[in-house]
Amino acid sequence: MGLNVSEEDKELQAELQLLVDKVIGKDQTLIPSALEMLKYLIRTSTTSMTSVPKPLKYLAPFYDTLKQTHKKMGDNPTKRGLADVISILAMGTAGGEEAKKKL
């Protein structure tokens, strides 16, 4: 099962990785803009209800990391923004396995 990843997909994966690194990083000033960009990428990629948008697929491996980061944050708009991203991931492929375990 060879997966051919297009150059465009590789760029998207790299961009998402960079944004996640900013969200989980130490520099608090980078987090709000990184979250806004993640939200933008998720929002603009949701073109079909029959397939999982690529940003959601590529962000799925970071689901637990983002949840841990959220737990460590103080209560502020940034934490609520991260909660939005996590909730979107939870509805997709990332949270599916965790939800099944709780049934």
PDB file of N, CA and C in Angstrom:
ATOM      1  N   MET A   1       0.841  -1.170   0.000  1.00  0.00           N
ATOM      2  CA  MET A   1       0.000   0.000   0.000  1.00  0.00           C
ATOM      3  C   MET A   1       0.890   1.238   0.000  1.00  0.00           C
ATOM      4  N   GLY A   2       1.382   1.615  -1.143  1.00  0.00           N
ATOM      5  CA  GLY A   2       2.254   2.776  -1.252  1.00  0.00           C
ATOM      6  C   GLY A   2       1.444   4.057  -1.288  1.00  0.00           C
ATOM      7  N   LEU A   3       1.744   4.927  -0.372  1.00  0.00           N
ATOM      8  CA  LEU A   3       1.040   6.200  -0.336  1.00  0.00           C
ATOM      9  C   LEU A   3       1.866   7.245  -1.075  1.00  0.00           C
ATOM     10  N   ASN A   4       1.320   7.756  -2.126  1.00  0.00           N
ATOM     11  CA  ASN A   4       1.970   8.845  -2.843  1.00  0.00           C
ATOM     12  C   ASN A   4       1.472  10.156  -2.272  1.00  0.00           C
ATOM     13  N   VAL A   5       2.352  10.860  -1.631  1.00  0.00           N
ATOM     14  CA  VAL A   5       1.999  12.143  -1.043  1.00  0.00           C
ATOM     15  C   VAL A   5       2.478  13.229  -2.003  1.00  0.00           C
ATOM     16  N   SER A   6       1.539  14.043  -2.434  1.00  0.00           N
ATOM     17  CA  SER A   6       1.877  15.104  -3.378  1.00  0.00           C
ATOM     18  C   SER A   6       2.740  16.160  -2.694  1.00  0.00           C
ATOM     19  N   GLU A   7       3.391  16.956  -3.502  1.00  0.00           N
ATOM     20  CA  GLU A   7       4.212  18.048  -2.975  1.00  0.00           C
ATOM     21  C   GLU A   7       3.345  19.012  -2.165  1.00  0.00           C
ATOM     22  N   GLU A   8       2.126  19.249  -2.643  1.00  0.00           N
ATOM     23  CA  GLU A   8       1.188  20.127  -1.941  1.00  0.00           C
ATOM     24  C   GLU A   8       0.839  19.558  -0.563  1.00  0.00           C
ATOM     25  N   ASP A   9       0.626  18.238  -0.499  1.00  0.00           N
ATOM     26  CA  ASP A   9       0.315  17.599   0.780  1.00  0.00           C
ATOM     27  C   ASP A   9       1.502  17.670   1.732  1.00  0.00           C
ATOM     28  N   LYS A  10       2.709  17.491   1.210  1.00  0.00           N
ATOM     29  CA  LYS A  10       3.907  17.586   2.048  1.00  0.00           C
ATOM     30  C   LYS A  10       4.043  18.994   2.630  1.00  0.00           C
ATOM     31  N   GLU A  11       3.745  19.995   1.811  1.00  0.00           N
ATOM     32  CA  GLU A  11       3.807  21.380   2.283  1.00  0.00           C
ATOM     33  C   GLU A  11       2.768  21.625   3.376  1.00  0.00           C
ATOM     34  N   LEU A  12       1.566  21.090   3.185  1.00  0.00           N
ATOM     35  CA  LEU A  12       0.505  21.238   4.182  1.00  0.00           C
ATOM     36  C   LEU A  12       0.910  20.551   5.485  1.00  0.00           C
ATOM     37  N   GLN A  13       1.457  19.343   5.380  1.00  0.00           N
ATOM     38  CA  GLN A  13       1.897  18.628   6.575  1.00  0.00           C
ATOM     39  C   GLN A  13       2.976  19.421   7.320  1.00  0.00           C
ATOM     40  N   ALA A  14       3.926  19.983   6.579  1.00  0.00           N
ATOM     41  CA  ALA A  14       4.999  20.769   7.197  1.00  0.00           C
ATOM     42  C   ALA A  14       4.433  22.020   7.866  1.00  0.00           C
ATOM     43  N   GLU A  15       3.477  22.672   7.206  1.00  0.00           N
ATOM     44  CA  GLU A  15       2.873  23.877   7.774  1.00  0.00           C
ATOM     45  C   GLU A  15       2.105  23.542   9.049  1.00  0.00           C
ATOM     46  N   LEU A  16       1.354  22.450   9.026  1.00  0.00           N
ATOM     47  CA  LEU A  16       0.599  22.040  10.212  1.00  0.00           C
ATOM     48  C   LEU A  16       1.545  21.685  11.357  1.00  0.00           C
ATOM     49  N   GLN A  17       2.641  20.998  11.035  1.00  0.00           N
ATOM     50  CA  GLN A  17       3.637  20.647  12.054  1.00  0.00           C
ATOM     51  C   GLN A  17       4.204  21.915  12.697  1.00  0.00           C
ATOM     52  N   LEU A  18       4.531  22.889  11.876  1.00  0.00           N
ATOM     53  CA  LEU A  18       5.075  24.156  12.369  1.00  0.00           C
ATOM     54  C   LEU A  18       4.072  24.863  13.286  1.00  0.00           C
ATOM     55  N   LEU A  19       2.798  24.871  12.878  1.00  0.00           N
ATOM     56  CA  LEU A  19       1.767  25.521  13.689  1.00  0.00           C
ATOM     57  C   LEU A  19       1.575  24.802  15.022  1.00  0.00           C
ATOM     58  N   VAL A  20       1.576  23.470  14.997  1.00  0.00           N
ATOM     59  CA  VAL A  20       1.445  22.706  16.243  1.00  0.00           C
ATOM     60  C   VAL A  20       2.645  22.989  17.147  1.00  0.00           C
ATOM     61  N   ASP A  21       3.838  23.038  16.556  1.00  0.00           N
ATOM     62  CA  ASP A  21       5.034  23.346  17.342  1.00  0.00           C
ATOM     63  C   ASP A  21       4.901  24.703  18.034  1.00  0.00           C
ATOM     64  N   LYS A  22       4.314  25.675  17.351  1.00  0.00           N
ATOM     65  CA  LYS A  22       4.114  27.001  17.952  1.00  0.00           C
ATOM     66  C   LYS A  22       3.090  26.932  19.082  1.00  0.00           C
ATOM     67  N   VAL A  23       2.024  26.152  18.889  1.00  0.00           N
ATOM     68  CA  VAL A  23       0.981  26.034  19.909  1.00  0.00           C
ATOM     69  C   VAL A  23       1.520  25.364  21.173  1.00  0.00           C
ATOM     70  N   ILE A  24       2.344  24.349  21.017  1.00  0.00           N
ATOM     71  CA  ILE A  24       2.847  23.621  22.184  1.00  0.00           C
ATOM     72  C   ILE A  24       4.169  24.190  22.696  1.00  0.00           C
ATOM     73  N   GLY A  25       4.704  25.192  22.003  1.00  0.00           N
ATOM     74  CA  GLY A  25       5.992  25.777  22.370  1.00  0.00           C
ATOM     75  C   GLY A  25       5.909  26.708  23.567  1.00  0.00           C
ATOM     76  N   LYS A  26       7.055  27.232  23.928  1.00  0.00           N
ATOM     77  CA  LYS A  26       7.175  28.084  25.113  1.00  0.00           C
ATOM     78  C   LYS A  26       6.790  29.538  24.864  1.00  0.00           C
ATOM     79  N   ASP A  27       6.877  29.994  23.623  1.00  0.00           N
ATOM     80  CA  ASP A  27       6.611  31.406  23.313  1.00  0.00           C
ATOM     81  C   ASP A  27       5.104  31.654  23.222  1.00  0.00           C
ATOM     82  N   GLN A  28       4.557  32.177  24.312  1.00  0.00           N
ATOM     83  CA  GLN A  28       3.111  32.403  24.413  1.00  0.00           C
ATOM     84  C   GLN A  28       2.587  33.381  23.372  1.00  0.00           C
ATOM     85  N   THR A  29       3.452  34.263  22.873  1.00  0.00           N
ATOM     86  CA  THR A  29       3.000  35.270  21.908  1.00  0.00           C
ATOM     87  C   THR A  29       2.698  34.661  20.547  1.00  0.00           C
ATOM     88  N   LEU A  30       3.226  33.467  20.253  1.00  0.00           N
ATOM     89  CA  LEU A  30       3.004  32.833  18.952  1.00  0.00           C
ATOM     90  C   LEU A  30       1.726  31.990  18.902  1.00  0.00           C
ATOM     91  N   ILE A  31       1.224  31.618  20.063  1.00  0.00           N
ATOM     92  CA  ILE A  31       0.103  30.676  20.123  1.00  0.00           C
ATOM     93  C   ILE A  31      -1.180  31.216  19.472  1.00  0.00           C
ATOM     94  N   PRO A  32      -1.640  32.435  19.798  1.00  0.00           N
ATOM     95  CA  PRO A  32      -2.913  32.893  19.206  1.00  0.00           C
ATOM     96  C   PRO A  32      -2.907  32.902  17.671  1.00  0.00           C
ATOM     97  N   SER A  33      -1.849  33.396  17.070  1.00  0.00           N
ATOM     98  CA  SER A  33      -1.825  33.441  15.599  1.00  0.00           C
ATOM     99  C   SER A  33      -1.713  32.039  15.009  1.00  0.00           C
ATOM    100  N   ALA A  34      -0.997  31.142  15.679  1.00  0.00           N
ATOM    101  CA  ALA A  34      -0.898  29.756  15.198  1.00  0.00           C
ATOM    102  C   ALA A  34      -2.264  29.077  15.259  1.00  0.00           C
ATOM    103  N   LEU A  35      -3.012  29.318  16.333  1.00  0.00           N
ATOM    104  CA  LEU A  35      -4.357  28.751  16.455  1.00  0.00           C
ATOM    105  C   LEU A  35      -5.289  29.290  15.377  1.00  0.00           C
ATOM    106  N   GLU A  36      -5.209  30.589  15.132  1.00  0.00           N
ATOM    107  CA  GLU A  36      -6.055  31.181  14.092  1.00  0.00           C
ATOM    108  C   GLU A  36      -5.740  30.563  12.725  1.00  0.00           C
ATOM    109  N   MET A  37      -4.469  30.333  12.455  1.00  0.00           N
ATOM    110  CA  MET A  37      -4.095  29.735  11.176  1.00  0.00           C
ATOM    111  C   MET A  37      -4.574  28.290  11.092  1.00  0.00           C
ATOM    112  N   LEU A  38      -4.473  27.535  12.191  1.00  0.00           N
ATOM    113  CA  LEU A  38      -4.997  26.165  12.202  1.00  0.00           C
ATOM    114  C   LEU A  38      -6.489  26.172  11.912  1.00  0.00           C
ATOM    115  N   LYS A  39      -7.220  27.056  12.575  1.00  0.00           N
ATOM    116  CA  LYS A  39      -8.665  27.155  12.350  1.00  0.00           C
ATOM    117  C   LYS A  39      -8.966  27.503  10.892  1.00  0.00           C
ATOM    118  N   TYR A  40      -8.194  28.439  10.347  1.00  0.00           N
ATOM    119  CA  TYR A  40      -8.393  28.841   8.955  1.00  0.00           C
ATOM    120  C   TYR A  40      -8.168  27.656   8.011  1.00  0.00           C
ATOM    121  N   LEU A  41      -7.091  26.921   8.221  1.00  0.00           N
ATOM    122  CA  LEU A  41      -6.789  25.781   7.350  1.00  0.00           C
ATOM    123  C   LEU A  41      -7.872  24.710   7.444  1.00  0.00           C
ATOM    124  N   ILE A  42      -8.372  24.477   8.649  1.00  0.00           N
ATOM    125  CA  ILE A  42      -9.438  23.489   8.828  1.00  0.00           C
ATOM    126  C   ILE A  42     -10.721  23.975   8.152  1.00  0.00           C
ATOM    127  N   ARG A  43     -11.064  25.230   8.377  1.00  0.00           N
ATOM    128  CA  ARG A  43     -12.300  25.791   7.829  1.00  0.00           C
ATOM    129  C   ARG A  43     -12.295  25.784   6.299  1.00  0.00           C
ATOM    130  N   THR A  44     -11.193  26.176   5.705  1.00  0.00           N
ATOM    131  CA  THR A  44     -11.147  26.297   4.242  1.00  0.00           C
ATOM    132  C   THR A  44     -10.983  24.948   3.551  1.00  0.00           C
ATOM    133  N   SER A  45     -10.621  23.921   4.289  1.00  0.00           N
ATOM    134  CA  SER A  45     -10.437  22.619   3.657  1.00  0.00           C
ATOM    135  C   SER A  45     -11.695  21.758   3.720  1.00  0.00           C
ATOM    136  N   THR A  46     -12.682  22.191   4.445  1.00  0.00           N
ATOM    137  CA  THR A  46     -13.894  21.405   4.629  1.00  0.00           C
ATOM    138  C   THR A  46     -14.814  21.630   3.432  1.00  0.00           C
ATOM    139  N   THR A  47     -14.521  20.887   2.369  1.00  0.00           N
ATOM    140  CA  THR A  47     -15.277  21.061   1.135  1.00  0.00           C
ATOM    141  C   THR A  47     -16.316  19.978   0.927  1.00  0.00           C
ATOM    142  N   SER A  48     -16.102  18.825   1.537  1.00  0.00           N
ATOM    143  CA  SER A  48     -17.009  17.706   1.322  1.00  0.00           C
ATOM    144  C   SER A  48     -17.330  17.039   2.648  1.00  0.00           C
ATOM    145  N   MET A  49     -18.558  16.663   2.819  1.00  0.00           N
ATOM    146  CA  MET A  49     -18.942  15.973   4.046  1.00  0.00           C
ATOM    147  C   MET A  49     -18.683  14.471   3.938  1.00  0.00           C
ATOM    148  N   THR A  50     -18.242  14.004   2.783  1.00  0.00           N
ATOM    149  CA  THR A  50     -18.028  12.567   2.601  1.00  0.00           C
ATOM    150  C   THR A  50     -16.598  12.145   2.848  1.00  0.00           C
ATOM    151  N   SER A  51     -15.682  13.086   2.960  1.00  0.00           N
ATOM    152  CA  SER A  51     -14.296  12.720   3.230  1.00  0.00           C
ATOM    153  C   SER A  51     -13.731  13.608   4.334  1.00  0.00           C
ATOM    154  N   VAL A  52     -12.739  13.076   5.035  1.00  0.00           N
ATOM    155  CA  VAL A  52     -12.109  13.829   6.112  1.00  0.00           C
ATOM    156  C   VAL A  52     -11.134  14.823   5.487  1.00  0.00           C
ATOM    157  N   PRO A  53     -11.265  16.097   5.798  1.00  0.00           N
ATOM    158  CA  PRO A  53     -10.351  17.098   5.246  1.00  0.00           C
ATOM    159  C   PRO A  53      -8.899  16.781   5.608  1.00  0.00           C
ATOM    160  N   LYS A  54      -7.992  17.067   4.706  1.00  0.00           N
ATOM    161  CA  LYS A  54      -6.588  16.742   4.921  1.00  0.00           C
ATOM    162  C   LYS A  54      -6.008  17.331   6.198  1.00  0.00           C
ATOM    163  N   PRO A  55      -6.300  18.600   6.532  1.00  0.00           N
ATOM    164  CA  PRO A  55      -5.737  19.101   7.793  1.00  0.00           C
ATOM    165  C   PRO A  55      -6.156  18.264   9.006  1.00  0.00           C
ATOM    166  N   LEU A  56      -7.384  17.766   9.000  1.00  0.00           N
ATOM    167  CA  LEU A  56      -7.823  16.936  10.127  1.00  0.00           C
ATOM    168  C   LEU A  56      -7.065  15.613  10.148  1.00  0.00           C
ATOM    169  N   LYS A  57      -6.846  15.023   8.979  1.00  0.00           N
ATOM    170  CA  LYS A  57      -6.067  13.781   8.902  1.00  0.00           C
ATOM    171  C   LYS A  57      -4.654  14.012   9.408  1.00  0.00           C
ATOM    172  N   TYR A  58      -4.042  15.096   8.956  1.00  0.00           N
ATOM    173  CA  TYR A  58      -2.650  15.359   9.290  1.00  0.00           C
ATOM    174  C   TYR A  58      -2.472  15.834  10.723  1.00  0.00           C
ATOM    175  N   LEU A  59      -3.517  16.397  11.315  1.00  0.00           N
ATOM    176  CA  LEU A  59      -3.436  16.847  12.707  1.00  0.00           C
ATOM    177  C   LEU A  59      -3.784  15.742  13.702  1.00  0.00           C
ATOM    178  N   ALA A  60      -4.396  14.665  13.238  1.00  0.00           N
ATOM    179  CA  ALA A  60      -4.819  13.577  14.124  1.00  0.00           C
ATOM    180  C   ALA A  60      -3.695  13.073  15.038  1.00  0.00           C
ATOM    181  N   PRO A  61      -2.468  12.894  14.541  1.00  0.00           N
ATOM    182  CA  PRO A  61      -1.403  12.407  15.438  1.00  0.00           C
ATOM    183  C   PRO A  61      -1.066  13.372  16.577  1.00  0.00           C
ATOM    184  N   PHE A  62      -1.453  14.620  16.452  1.00  0.00           N
ATOM    185  CA  PHE A  62      -1.153  15.625  17.471  1.00  0.00           C
ATOM    186  C   PHE A  62      -2.290  15.815  18.471  1.00  0.00           C
ATOM    187  N   TYR A  63      -3.349  15.046  18.326  1.00  0.00           N
ATOM    188  CA  TYR A  63      -4.541  15.185  19.157  1.00  0.00           C
ATOM    189  C   TYR A  63      -4.199  15.140  20.650  1.00  0.00           C
ATOM    190  N   ASP A  64      -3.504  14.099  21.081  1.00  0.00           N
ATOM    191  CA  ASP A  64      -3.184  13.958  22.505  1.00  0.00           C
ATOM    192  C   ASP A  64      -2.234  15.056  22.981  1.00  0.00           C
ATOM    193  N   THR A  65      -1.274  15.418  22.139  1.00  0.00           N
ATOM    194  CA  THR A  65      -0.329  16.480  22.483  1.00  0.00           C
ATOM    195  C   THR A  65      -1.059  17.801  22.687  1.00  0.00           C
ATOM    196  N   LEU A  66      -1.992  18.098  21.796  1.00  0.00           N
ATOM    197  CA  LEU A  66      -2.761  19.335  21.921  1.00  0.00           C
ATOM    198  C   LEU A  66      -3.640  19.304  23.174  1.00  0.00           C
ATOM    199  N   LYS A  67      -4.214  18.134  23.486  1.00  0.00           N
ATOM    200  CA  LYS A  67      -5.027  18.017  24.702  1.00  0.00           C
ATOM    201  C   LYS A  67      -4.187  18.267  25.946  1.00  0.00           C
ATOM    202  N   GLN A  68      -2.970  17.719  25.970  1.00  0.00           N
ATOM    203  CA  GLN A  68      -2.087  17.922  27.118  1.00  0.00           C
ATOM    204  C   GLN A  68      -1.705  19.399  27.260  1.00  0.00           C
ATOM    205  N   THR A  69      -1.437  20.034  26.125  1.00  0.00           N
ATOM    206  CA  THR A  69      -1.102  21.458  26.138  1.00  0.00           C
ATOM    207  C   THR A  69      -2.268  22.272  26.678  1.00  0.00           C
ATOM    208  N   HIS A  70      -3.483  21.919  26.257  1.00  0.00           N
ATOM    209  CA  HIS A  70      -4.690  22.602  26.711  1.00  0.00           C
ATOM    210  C   HIS A  70      -4.828  22.509  28.227  1.00  0.00           C
ATOM    211  N   LYS A  71      -4.572  21.334  28.787  1.00  0.00           N
ATOM    212  CA  LYS A  71      -4.709  21.133  30.237  1.00  0.00           C
ATOM    213  C   LYS A  71      -3.760  22.033  31.023  1.00  0.00           C
ATOM    214  N   LYS A  72      -2.602  22.333  30.455  1.00  0.00           N
ATOM    215  CA  LYS A  72      -1.583  23.117  31.158  1.00  0.00           C
ATOM    216  C   LYS A  72      -1.816  24.625  31.064  1.00  0.00           C
ATOM    217  N   MET A  73      -2.686  25.051  30.140  1.00  0.00           N
ATOM    218  CA  MET A  73      -2.903  26.483  29.926  1.00  0.00           C
ATOM    219  C   MET A  73      -3.786  27.086  31.009  1.00  0.00           C
ATOM    220  N   GLY A  74      -3.560  28.372  31.264  1.00  0.00           N
ATOM    221  CA  GLY A  74      -4.452  29.118  32.139  1.00  0.00           C
ATOM    222  C   GLY A  74      -5.742  29.414  31.384  1.00  0.00           C
ATOM    223  N   ASP A  75      -6.773  29.800  32.120  1.00  0.00           N
ATOM    224  CA  ASP A  75      -8.062  30.089  31.477  1.00  0.00           C
ATOM    225  C   ASP A  75      -7.989  31.443  30.778  1.00  0.00           C
ATOM    226  N   ASN A  76      -7.986  31.416  29.461  1.00  0.00           N
ATOM    227  CA  ASN A  76      -7.914  32.640  28.666  1.00  0.00           C
ATOM    228  C   ASN A  76      -8.453  32.354  27.259  1.00  0.00           C
ATOM    229  N   PRO A  77      -8.571  33.367  26.437  1.00  0.00           N
ATOM    230  CA  PRO A  77      -9.098  33.151  25.084  1.00  0.00           C
ATOM    231  C   PRO A  77      -8.264  32.156  24.256  1.00  0.00           C
ATOM    232  N   THR A  78      -6.966  32.106  24.508  1.00  0.00           N
ATOM    233  CA  THR A  78      -6.118  31.169  23.782  1.00  0.00           C
ATOM    234  C   THR A  78      -6.503  29.733  24.121  1.00  0.00           C
ATOM    235  N   LYS A  79      -6.765  29.465  25.386  1.00  0.00           N
ATOM    236  CA  LYS A  79      -7.165  28.119  25.800  1.00  0.00           C
ATOM    237  C   LYS A  79      -8.489  27.746  25.147  1.00  0.00           C
ATOM    238  N   ARG A  80      -9.394  28.705  25.072  1.00  0.00           N
ATOM    239  CA  ARG A  80     -10.690  28.425  24.437  1.00  0.00           C
ATOM    240  C   ARG A  80     -10.504  28.189  22.934  1.00  0.00           C
ATOM    241  N   GLY A  81      -9.588  28.907  22.312  1.00  0.00           N
ATOM    242  CA  GLY A  81      -9.301  28.696  20.889  1.00  0.00           C
ATOM    243  C   GLY A  81      -8.729  27.312  20.629  1.00  0.00           C
ATOM    244  N   LEU A  82      -7.844  26.873  21.519  1.00  0.00           N
ATOM    245  CA  LEU A  82      -7.286  25.528  21.385  1.00  0.00           C
ATOM    246  C   LEU A  82      -8.375  24.486  21.604  1.00  0.00           C
ATOM    247  N   ALA A  83      -9.285  24.753  22.519  1.00  0.00           N
ATOM    248  CA  ALA A  83     -10.404  23.832  22.755  1.00  0.00           C
ATOM    249  C   ALA A  83     -11.243  23.676  21.486  1.00  0.00           C
ATOM    250  N   ASP A  84     -11.418  24.761  20.749  1.00  0.00           N
ATOM    251  CA  ASP A  84     -12.161  24.689  19.480  1.00  0.00           C
ATOM    252  C   ASP A  84     -11.483  23.733  18.512  1.00  0.00           C
ATOM    253  N   VAL A  85     -10.169  23.864  18.376  1.00  0.00           N
ATOM    254  CA  VAL A  85      -9.420  23.002  17.454  1.00  0.00           C
ATOM    255  C   VAL A  85      -9.500  21.551  17.911  1.00  0.00           C
ATOM    256  N   ILE A  86      -9.318  21.313  19.210  1.00  0.00           N
ATOM    257  CA  ILE A  86      -9.367  19.954  19.752  1.00  0.00           C
ATOM    258  C   ILE A  86     -10.743  19.338  19.533  1.00  0.00           C
ATOM    259  N   SER A  87     -11.794  20.130  19.724  1.00  0.00           N
ATOM    260  CA  SER A  87     -13.147  19.582  19.551  1.00  0.00           C
ATOM    261  C   SER A  87     -13.409  19.186  18.108  1.00  0.00           C
ATOM    262  N   ILE A  88     -12.854  19.944  17.180  1.00  0.00           N
ATOM    263  CA  ILE A  88     -13.000  19.591  15.767  1.00  0.00           C
ATOM    264  C   ILE A  88     -12.254  18.290  15.487  1.00  0.00           C
ATOM    265  N   LEU A  89     -11.052  18.164  16.025  1.00  0.00           N
ATOM    266  CA  LEU A  89     -10.286  16.935  15.843  1.00  0.00           C
ATOM    267  C   LEU A  89     -10.996  15.744  16.481  1.00  0.00           C
ATOM    268  N   ALA A  90     -11.633  15.974  17.629  1.00  0.00           N
ATOM    269  CA  ALA A  90     -12.333  14.891  18.332  1.00  0.00           C
ATOM    270  C   ALA A  90     -13.493  14.338  17.512  1.00  0.00           C
ATOM    271  N   MET A  91     -14.106  15.192  16.715  1.00  0.00           N
ATOM    272  CA  MET A  91     -15.224  14.736  15.874  1.00  0.00           C
ATOM    273  C   MET A  91     -14.733  13.955  14.667  1.00  0.00           C
ATOM    274  N   GLY A  92     -13.471  14.116  14.337  1.00  0.00           N
ATOM    275  CA  GLY A  92     -12.915  13.444  13.173  1.00  0.00           C
ATOM    276  C   GLY A  92     -12.205  12.168  13.559  1.00  0.00           C
ATOM    277  N   THR A  93     -11.197  11.839  12.809  1.00  0.00           N
ATOM    278  CA  THR A  93     -10.486  10.582  12.995  1.00  0.00           C
ATOM    279  C   THR A  93      -9.713  10.535  14.306  1.00  0.00           C
ATOM    280  N   ALA A  94      -9.269  11.660  14.834  1.00  0.00           N
ATOM    281  CA  ALA A  94      -8.434  11.670  16.034  1.00  0.00           C
ATOM    282  C   ALA A  94      -9.188  11.191  17.269  1.00  0.00           C
ATOM    283  N   GLY A  95     -10.381  11.700  17.470  1.00  0.00           N
ATOM    284  CA  GLY A  95     -11.128  11.363  18.671  1.00  0.00           C
ATOM    285  C   GLY A  95     -11.937  10.096  18.551  1.00  0.00           C
ATOM    286  N   GLY A  96     -12.062   9.588  17.368  1.00  0.00           N
ATOM    287  CA  GLY A  96     -12.897   8.411  17.137  1.00  0.00           C
ATOM    288  C   GLY A  96     -12.485   7.203  17.940  1.00  0.00           C
ATOM    289  N   GLU A  97     -11.188   6.898  17.949  1.00  0.00           N
ATOM    290  CA  GLU A  97     -10.704   5.732  18.681  1.00  0.00           C
ATOM    291  C   GLU A  97     -10.886   5.906  20.183  1.00  0.00           C
ATOM    292  N   GLU A  98     -10.631   7.100  20.663  1.00  0.00           N
ATOM    293  CA  GLU A  98     -10.787   7.365  22.090  1.00  0.00           C
ATOM    294  C   GLU A  98     -12.249   7.233  22.500  1.00  0.00           C
ATOM    295  N   ALA A  99     -13.137   7.751  21.669  1.00  0.00           N
ATOM    296  CA  ALA A  99     -14.569   7.664  21.965  1.00  0.00           C
ATOM    297  C   ALA A  99     -15.030   6.202  21.978  1.00  0.00           C
ATOM    298  N   LYS A 100     -14.524   5.398  21.062  1.00  0.00           N
ATOM    299  CA  LYS A 100     -14.900   3.977  21.021  1.00  0.00           C
ATOM    300  C   LYS A 100     -14.484   3.252  22.298  1.00  0.00           C
ATOM    301  N   LYS A 101     -13.323   3.608  22.851  1.00  0.00           N
ATOM    302  CA  LYS A 101     -12.822   2.962  24.070  1.00  0.00           C
ATOM    303  C   LYS A 101     -13.736   3.241  25.246  1.00  0.00           C
ATOM    304  N   LYS A 102     -14.417   4.398  25.228  1.00  0.00           N
ATOM    305  CA  LYS A 102     -15.260   4.794  26.356  1.00  0.00           C
ATOM    306  C   LYS A 102     -16.649   4.183  26.300  1.00  0.00           C
ATOM    307  N   LEU A 103     -16.992   3.548  25.202  1.00  0.00           N
ATOM    308  CA  LEU A 103     -18.335   2.956  25.079  1.00  0.00           C
ATOM    309  C   LEU A 103     -18.459   1.710  25.906  1.00  0.00           C
TER     310      LEU A 103
END
